[in-house]
């Protein structure tokens, strides 16, 4: 029997390890995830998928322990899965079924009686915006509609925790905004917790207030996003009309560390004299400064800076994309 859930820590893990033969996939994971929305981030092969499978009780851990909603991940996987909704990245829908039949079937697989599953299928399909299309076969659906149908399957049994793996993958801007809005509502109105894995940092920042970052099977960060942003050194962002290379060379000759993105350069704001020194460098380089302002880092900046400090070869968040995004064979 699982320990009584205190309603605070949705997920805990202590010294969790998972080995596949000689390969160490998870290395002494320690987690304390409260209720709310949490982004799970990391490069390909970091251990995110293995962590999800351990938390769902789908694979046996090598050592350590953990709980989800108070249930032991080693011995109470069935109870955990009855209270978790999982929206996978891969296509898990039967194209020959209508959405109403697909979602009802998902409910029955989770132990719901047919009448209850049917009633809930209608409710959740309306919730995800598919009320008028619920009798259409899934093979006629757009990518956005298929993602919404997967979300409906994950919500049909009214779970306490929702795990979403790349929920906006392949969506156009309109469908993406609706998906993110629905996930936010799921947290705020449904009193649920959401664990969201995505390579699109803007999406994670839109829905989540915390992140857990995994690298080489280790938890390297588990913090509130706003707390991380405050810890990152503030930068001055400079936009120039031309001569960005000359400006970069001049700044570096004055001891600045420069991050360049085309005609935009960023340097650490050392003190109140930084702006004056930048303008003096512009005069020396004969470069016209178009705009200069303090830059507040977003989640993508935070992620890339942490990966850089860890020595990971991650140049952009496109490096987080699996072959499922690019059409090749997926490397778990």
Protein backbone atom coordinates (compact mmCIF):
# COMPACT_ATOMS: atom_id res chain seq x y z
CA UNK A 1 0.00 0.00 0.00
CA UNK A 2 1.37 3.43 -0.94
CA UNK A 3 2.12 6.04 1.66
CA UNK A 4 -0.54 8.72 2.18
CA UNK A 5 -0.09 11.46 -0.42
CA UNK A 6 0.39 14.84 1.25
CA UNK A 7 -0.93 16.71 -1.80
CA UNK A 8 2.31 18.71 -2.11
CA UNK A 9 5.01 16.57 -3.71
CA UNK A 10 3.37 14.97 -6.72
CA UNK A 11 6.56 13.06 -7.59
CA UNK A 12 9.54 12.10 -5.46
CA UNK A 13 12.65 10.13 -6.28
CA UNK A 14 15.59 9.21 -4.08
CA UNK A 15 18.88 7.91 -5.46
CA UNK A 16 17.04 6.47 -8.47
CA UNK A 17 19.28 4.49 -10.82
CA UNK A 18 18.51 2.59 -13.99
CA UNK A 19 21.03 0.53 -15.92
CA UNK A 20 20.62 -1.18 -19.28
CA UNK A 21 23.43 -3.69 -19.11
CA UNK A 22 26.61 -1.62 -18.64
CA UNK A 23 24.86 1.61 -19.69
CA UNK A 24 23.82 3.92 -16.86
CA UNK A 25 20.65 5.64 -18.08
CA UNK A 26 19.65 7.31 -14.79
CA UNK A 27 22.34 8.21 -12.27
CA UNK A 28 21.20 8.76 -8.66
CA UNK A 29 18.15 10.84 -9.55
CA UNK A 30 16.72 12.89 -6.69
CA UNK A 31 13.45 14.69 -7.40
CA UNK A 32 10.86 16.63 -5.46
CA UNK A 33 8.20 17.88 -7.88
CA UNK A 34 5.31 19.89 -6.41
CA UNK A 35 1.89 20.28 -7.97
CA UNK A 36 1.59 22.61 -10.95
CA UNK A 37 3.18 22.61 -14.39
CA UNK A 38 6.78 21.41 -14.80
CA UNK A 39 8.88 21.32 -17.97
CA UNK A 40 11.19 18.31 -18.41
CA UNK A 41 14.17 19.36 -20.53
CA UNK A 42 17.33 17.76 -21.80
CA UNK A 43 19.27 16.83 -24.94
CA UNK A 44 18.55 13.63 -26.84
CA UNK A 45 19.62 10.59 -24.84
CA UNK A 46 19.64 12.53 -21.55
CA UNK A 47 17.30 10.05 -19.86
CA UNK A 48 13.90 11.78 -20.12
CA UNK A 49 12.08 8.80 -21.67
CA UNK A 50 13.64 6.38 -19.17
CA UNK A 51 12.59 8.64 -16.30
CA UNK A 52 8.99 8.75 -17.56
CA UNK A 53 8.89 4.95 -17.85
CA UNK A 54 10.24 4.54 -14.33
CA UNK A 55 7.70 6.98 -12.92
CA UNK A 56 4.87 5.17 -14.71
CA UNK A 57 6.06 1.84 -13.33
CA UNK A 58 6.59 0.50 -16.84
CA UNK A 59 10.21 -0.51 -16.23
CA UNK A 60 11.98 -1.69 -13.08
CA UNK A 61 14.55 0.59 -11.52
CA UNK A 62 17.99 -0.81 -10.71
CA UNK A 63 18.10 0.84 -7.28
CA UNK A 64 16.62 3.72 -5.33
CA UNK A 65 12.96 4.48 -4.78
CA UNK A 66 10.27 6.95 -5.73
CA UNK A 67 6.61 7.79 -5.46
CA UNK A 68 3.94 9.29 -7.68
CA UNK A 69 0.91 10.65 -5.79
CA UNK A 70 2.12 8.61 -2.81
CA UNK A 71 2.28 5.30 -4.71
CA UNK A 72 5.53 3.33 -4.89
CA UNK A 73 6.89 3.27 -8.45
CA UNK A 74 8.45 -0.16 -7.82
CA UNK A 75 5.33 -2.00 -6.68
CA UNK A 76 2.24 0.10 -7.47
CA UNK A 77 2.56 0.87 -11.16
CA UNK A 78 -1.07 -0.06 -11.88
CA UNK A 79 -2.35 2.44 -9.33
CA UNK A 80 -0.03 5.13 -10.66
CA UNK A 81 -1.16 4.60 -14.26
CA UNK A 82 -4.81 4.79 -13.19
CA UNK A 83 -4.20 8.35 -11.98
CA UNK A 84 -1.85 9.56 -14.72
CA UNK A 85 -2.75 10.59 -18.24
CA UNK A 86 -0.02 10.10 -20.84
CA UNK A 87 0.04 11.93 -24.16
CA UNK A 88 2.87 10.30 -26.15
CA UNK A 89 4.92 11.96 -28.84
CA UNK A 90 4.39 9.09 -31.27
CA UNK A 91 1.13 8.49 -33.13
CA UNK A 92 -0.88 6.16 -30.88
CA UNK A 93 -4.26 6.53 -32.62
CA UNK A 94 -6.15 4.01 -34.78
CA UNK A 95 -6.83 5.82 -38.07
CA UNK A 96 -9.86 3.65 -38.80
CA UNK A 97 -11.72 4.68 -35.64
CA UNK A 98 -13.77 7.79 -35.07
CA UNK A 99 -12.51 10.06 -32.32
CA UNK A 100 -15.42 9.19 -30.06
CA UNK A 101 -14.68 5.46 -30.40
CA UNK A 102 -10.92 5.99 -29.92
CA UNK A 103 -11.35 7.99 -26.71
CA UNK A 104 -14.05 5.67 -25.37
CA UNK A 105 -11.77 2.69 -26.05
CA UNK A 106 -8.92 4.44 -24.20
CA UNK A 107 -11.22 4.84 -21.21
CA UNK A 108 -12.28 1.20 -21.25
CA UNK A 109 -8.64 0.10 -21.36
CA UNK A 110 -8.17 2.07 -18.15
CA UNK A 111 -10.98 0.15 -16.46
CA UNK A 112 -13.92 2.49 -17.03
CA UNK A 113 -17.28 0.86 -17.75
CA UNK A 114 -18.60 1.48 -21.31
CA UNK A 115 -21.33 3.94 -20.29
CA UNK A 116 -18.97 6.05 -18.19
CA UNK A 117 -16.25 5.90 -20.86
CA UNK A 118 -18.72 7.06 -23.52
CA UNK A 119 -19.96 9.96 -21.40
CA UNK A 120 -16.42 11.08 -20.59
CA UNK A 121 -15.35 10.73 -24.23
CA UNK A 122 -18.01 13.27 -25.25
CA UNK A 123 -16.94 15.61 -22.45
CA UNK A 124 -13.21 15.58 -23.13
CA UNK A 125 -13.58 15.82 -26.91
CA UNK A 126 -15.60 18.99 -26.38
CA UNK A 127 -12.95 20.19 -23.93
CA UNK A 128 -10.15 19.81 -26.51
CA UNK A 129 -12.16 21.46 -29.28
CA UNK A 130 -13.32 18.38 -31.22
CA UNK A 131 -17.04 18.38 -30.35
CA UNK A 132 -18.19 18.92 -33.94
CA UNK A 133 -15.65 16.45 -35.39
CA UNK A 134 -15.97 13.64 -32.87
CA UNK A 135 -17.72 11.22 -35.25
CA UNK A 136 -15.18 11.66 -38.05
CA UNK A 137 -12.54 9.00 -38.61
CA UNK A 138 -9.13 9.95 -37.30
CA UNK A 139 -7.55 9.27 -40.70
CA UNK A 140 -9.33 12.42 -41.94
CA UNK A 141 -7.92 14.58 -39.13
CA UNK A 142 -5.25 17.25 -39.46
CA UNK A 143 -2.11 17.01 -37.32
CA UNK A 144 -3.57 19.49 -34.85
CA UNK A 145 -6.79 17.49 -34.53
CA UNK A 146 -4.83 14.28 -33.97
CA UNK A 147 -2.82 15.93 -31.19
CA UNK A 148 -6.08 17.10 -29.62
CA UNK A 149 -7.49 13.56 -29.85
CA UNK A 150 -4.38 12.20 -28.09
CA UNK A 151 -4.88 14.75 -25.34
CA UNK A 152 -8.53 13.66 -25.01
CA UNK A 153 -7.40 10.04 -24.61
CA UNK A 154 -5.02 11.12 -21.86
CA UNK A 155 -7.76 13.03 -20.02
CA UNK A 156 -10.66 10.60 -20.39
CA UNK A 157 -10.21 9.02 -16.94
CA UNK A 158 -9.83 12.41 -15.20
CA UNK A 159 -6.20 11.91 -14.08
CA UNK A 160 -4.44 13.87 -11.35
CA UNK A 161 -1.23 14.15 -13.38
CA UNK A 162 -0.84 14.65 -17.12
CA UNK A 163 2.43 13.77 -18.87
CA UNK A 164 2.76 15.37 -22.33
CA UNK A 165 5.62 14.45 -24.65
CA UNK A 166 6.06 17.11 -27.38
CA UNK A 167 2.37 18.16 -27.35
CA UNK A 168 2.80 20.89 -30.00
CA UNK A 169 4.91 18.87 -32.40
CA UNK A 170 3.84 19.48 -36.01
CA UNK A 171 1.19 22.07 -35.17
CA UNK A 172 0.60 25.33 -37.02
CA UNK A 173 0.49 28.55 -35.00
CA UNK A 174 -3.27 28.51 -34.42
CA UNK A 175 -3.38 24.86 -33.32
CA UNK A 176 -0.28 25.38 -31.17
CA UNK A 177 -1.83 28.31 -29.33
CA UNK A 178 -5.03 26.34 -28.70
CA UNK A 179 -3.05 23.35 -27.38
CA UNK A 180 -1.05 25.55 -24.99
CA UNK A 181 -4.21 27.30 -23.84
CA UNK A 182 -5.84 23.93 -23.17
CA UNK A 183 -2.85 22.74 -21.15
CA UNK A 184 -2.90 25.93 -19.08
CA UNK A 185 -6.62 25.41 -18.42
CA UNK A 186 -5.95 21.81 -17.47
CA UNK A 187 -3.67 23.03 -14.67
CA UNK A 188 -5.64 26.08 -13.51
CA UNK A 189 -9.22 24.80 -13.84
CA UNK A 190 -8.75 21.06 -13.53
CA UNK A 191 -6.54 21.17 -10.45
CA UNK A 192 -4.12 18.84 -12.20
CA UNK A 193 -0.36 18.74 -12.49
CA UNK A 194 1.32 18.68 -15.90
CA UNK A 195 4.75 17.33 -16.79
CA UNK A 196 5.63 18.59 -20.25
CA UNK A 197 8.60 17.59 -22.37
CA UNK A 198 9.27 19.78 -25.40
CA UNK A 199 12.13 21.05 -27.55
CA UNK A 200 10.23 24.34 -28.02
CA UNK A 201 11.32 26.45 -25.07
CA UNK A 202 8.67 29.12 -25.68
CA UNK A 203 5.98 26.47 -25.23
CA UNK A 204 7.47 25.25 -21.97
CA UNK A 205 7.78 28.79 -20.66
CA UNK A 206 4.18 29.50 -21.73
CA UNK A 207 2.73 26.59 -19.70
CA UNK A 208 5.23 25.80 -16.95
CA UNK A 209 6.57 27.73 -13.98
CA UNK A 210 9.25 25.17 -13.11
CA UNK A 211 11.75 23.09 -15.02
CA UNK A 212 13.66 19.90 -14.40
CA UNK A 213 16.74 19.57 -16.60
CA UNK A 214 18.38 16.20 -17.24
CA UNK A 215 21.87 15.69 -18.67
CA UNK A 216 23.70 12.37 -18.99
CA UNK A 217 21.18 10.70 -16.70
CA UNK A 218 21.59 13.27 -13.93
CA UNK A 219 19.29 16.02 -12.69
CA UNK A 220 21.29 19.21 -13.19
CA UNK A 221 18.53 21.75 -12.49
CA UNK A 222 15.16 21.70 -10.75
CA UNK A 223 14.05 25.25 -10.08
CA UNK A 224 11.41 27.84 -10.79
CA UNK A 225 12.04 29.52 -14.15
CA UNK A 226 11.87 33.02 -12.66
CA UNK A 227 14.47 32.07 -10.02
CA UNK A 228 16.83 30.80 -12.71
CA UNK A 229 16.38 33.96 -14.77
CA UNK A 230 17.41 36.07 -11.77
CA UNK A 231 20.59 34.03 -11.36
CA UNK A 232 21.74 34.52 -14.95
CA UNK A 233 24.08 37.48 -15.37
CA UNK A 234 22.28 40.39 -16.99
CA UNK A 235 23.36 41.32 -20.49
CA UNK A 236 23.25 44.44 -22.62
CA UNK A 237 21.81 43.78 -26.08
CA UNK A 238 23.16 45.94 -28.89
CA UNK A 239 21.61 46.20 -32.36
CA UNK A 240 23.80 47.79 -35.04
CA UNK A 241 23.08 48.96 -38.59
CA UNK A 242 26.23 47.43 -40.00
CA UNK A 243 29.76 46.50 -39.05
CA UNK A 244 28.75 43.87 -36.50
CA UNK A 245 32.06 42.04 -36.96
CA UNK A 246 34.06 45.25 -36.35
CA UNK A 247 31.96 45.96 -33.29
CA UNK A 248 32.49 42.46 -31.94
CA UNK A 249 36.26 42.72 -32.43
CA UNK A 250 36.37 46.12 -30.73
CA UNK A 251 34.33 44.92 -27.76
CA UNK A 252 36.45 41.80 -27.35
CA UNK A 253 39.62 43.91 -27.49
CA UNK A 254 38.21 45.83 -24.51
CA UNK A 255 37.74 42.62 -22.52
CA UNK A 256 34.06 41.96 -23.19
CA UNK A 257 32.77 38.45 -23.81
CA UNK A 258 30.44 38.81 -26.80
CA UNK A 259 27.55 36.64 -27.89
CA UNK A 260 26.58 37.48 -31.44
CA UNK A 261 23.33 36.71 -33.28
CA UNK A 262 23.65 38.35 -36.71
CA UNK A 263 23.50 42.12 -36.20
CA UNK A 264 22.65 41.71 -32.53
CA UNK A 265 25.43 41.46 -29.94
CA UNK A 266 25.11 40.74 -26.24
CA UNK A 267 27.68 41.45 -23.55
CA UNK A 268 27.60 40.98 -19.79
CA UNK A 269 26.49 44.04 -17.88
CA UNK A 270 29.44 44.36 -15.52
CA UNK A 271 28.42 47.67 -13.87
CA UNK A 272 26.94 51.08 -14.61
CA UNK A 273 29.88 51.93 -16.89
CA UNK A 274 29.13 49.08 -19.33
CA UNK A 275 26.80 51.16 -21.52
CA UNK A 276 29.33 54.00 -21.78
CA UNK A 277 32.10 51.57 -22.70
CA UNK A 278 29.89 50.04 -25.41
CA UNK A 279 29.23 53.46 -26.96
CA UNK A 280 32.95 54.28 -26.87
CA UNK A 281 33.64 50.98 -28.64
CA UNK A 282 31.06 51.86 -31.29
CA UNK A 283 32.78 55.19 -31.95
CA UNK A 284 36.16 53.47 -32.27
CA UNK A 285 34.73 50.82 -34.62
CA UNK A 286 32.84 53.46 -36.64
CA UNK A 287 29.60 51.56 -36.11
CA UNK A 288 26.15 53.08 -35.63
CA UNK A 289 24.23 51.63 -32.68
CA UNK A 290 20.57 51.25 -33.57
CA UNK A 291 19.34 50.14 -30.16
CA UNK A 292 20.84 49.26 -26.78
CA UNK A 293 18.87 47.75 -23.91
CA UNK A 294 19.16 45.39 -20.98
CA UNK A 295 18.34 41.87 -22.09
CA UNK A 296 16.30 39.59 -19.80
CA UNK A 297 17.10 35.96 -20.64
CA UNK A 298 14.29 33.66 -21.74
CA UNK A 299 14.15 29.92 -21.12
CA UNK A 300 16.04 29.08 -24.30
CA UNK A 301 18.94 31.32 -23.22
CA UNK A 302 18.92 29.73 -19.76
CA UNK A 303 18.93 26.22 -21.22
CA UNK A 304 21.76 26.90 -23.67
CA UNK A 305 23.87 28.64 -21.03
CA UNK A 306 23.50 25.70 -18.64
CA UNK A 307 24.31 23.22 -21.40
CA UNK A 308 27.38 25.29 -22.31
CA UNK A 309 28.59 25.22 -18.70
CA UNK A 310 28.10 21.45 -18.67
CA UNK A 311 30.22 21.12 -21.81
CA UNK A 312 27.34 19.76 -23.88
CA UNK A 313 27.44 20.32 -27.63
CA UNK A 314 24.00 21.91 -27.88
CA UNK A 315 24.08 24.96 -30.15
CA UNK A 316 20.34 25.52 -30.35
CA UNK A 317 17.16 23.87 -29.16
CA UNK A 318 16.84 22.24 -32.58
CA UNK A 319 19.49 19.85 -31.23
CA UNK A 320 16.80 18.57 -28.85
CA UNK A 321 14.70 17.31 -31.77
CA UNK A 322 14.46 13.57 -32.13
CA UNK A 323 14.26 11.71 -35.42
CA UNK A 324 10.50 11.63 -34.87
CA UNK A 325 10.56 15.34 -35.67
CA UNK A 326 12.89 15.02 -38.66
CA UNK A 327 11.56 11.81 -40.17
CA UNK A 328 14.49 9.49 -39.43
CA UNK A 329 14.87 6.56 -37.06
CA UNK A 330 14.41 7.54 -33.47
CA UNK A 331 17.29 7.00 -31.10
CA UNK A 332 15.99 6.28 -27.64
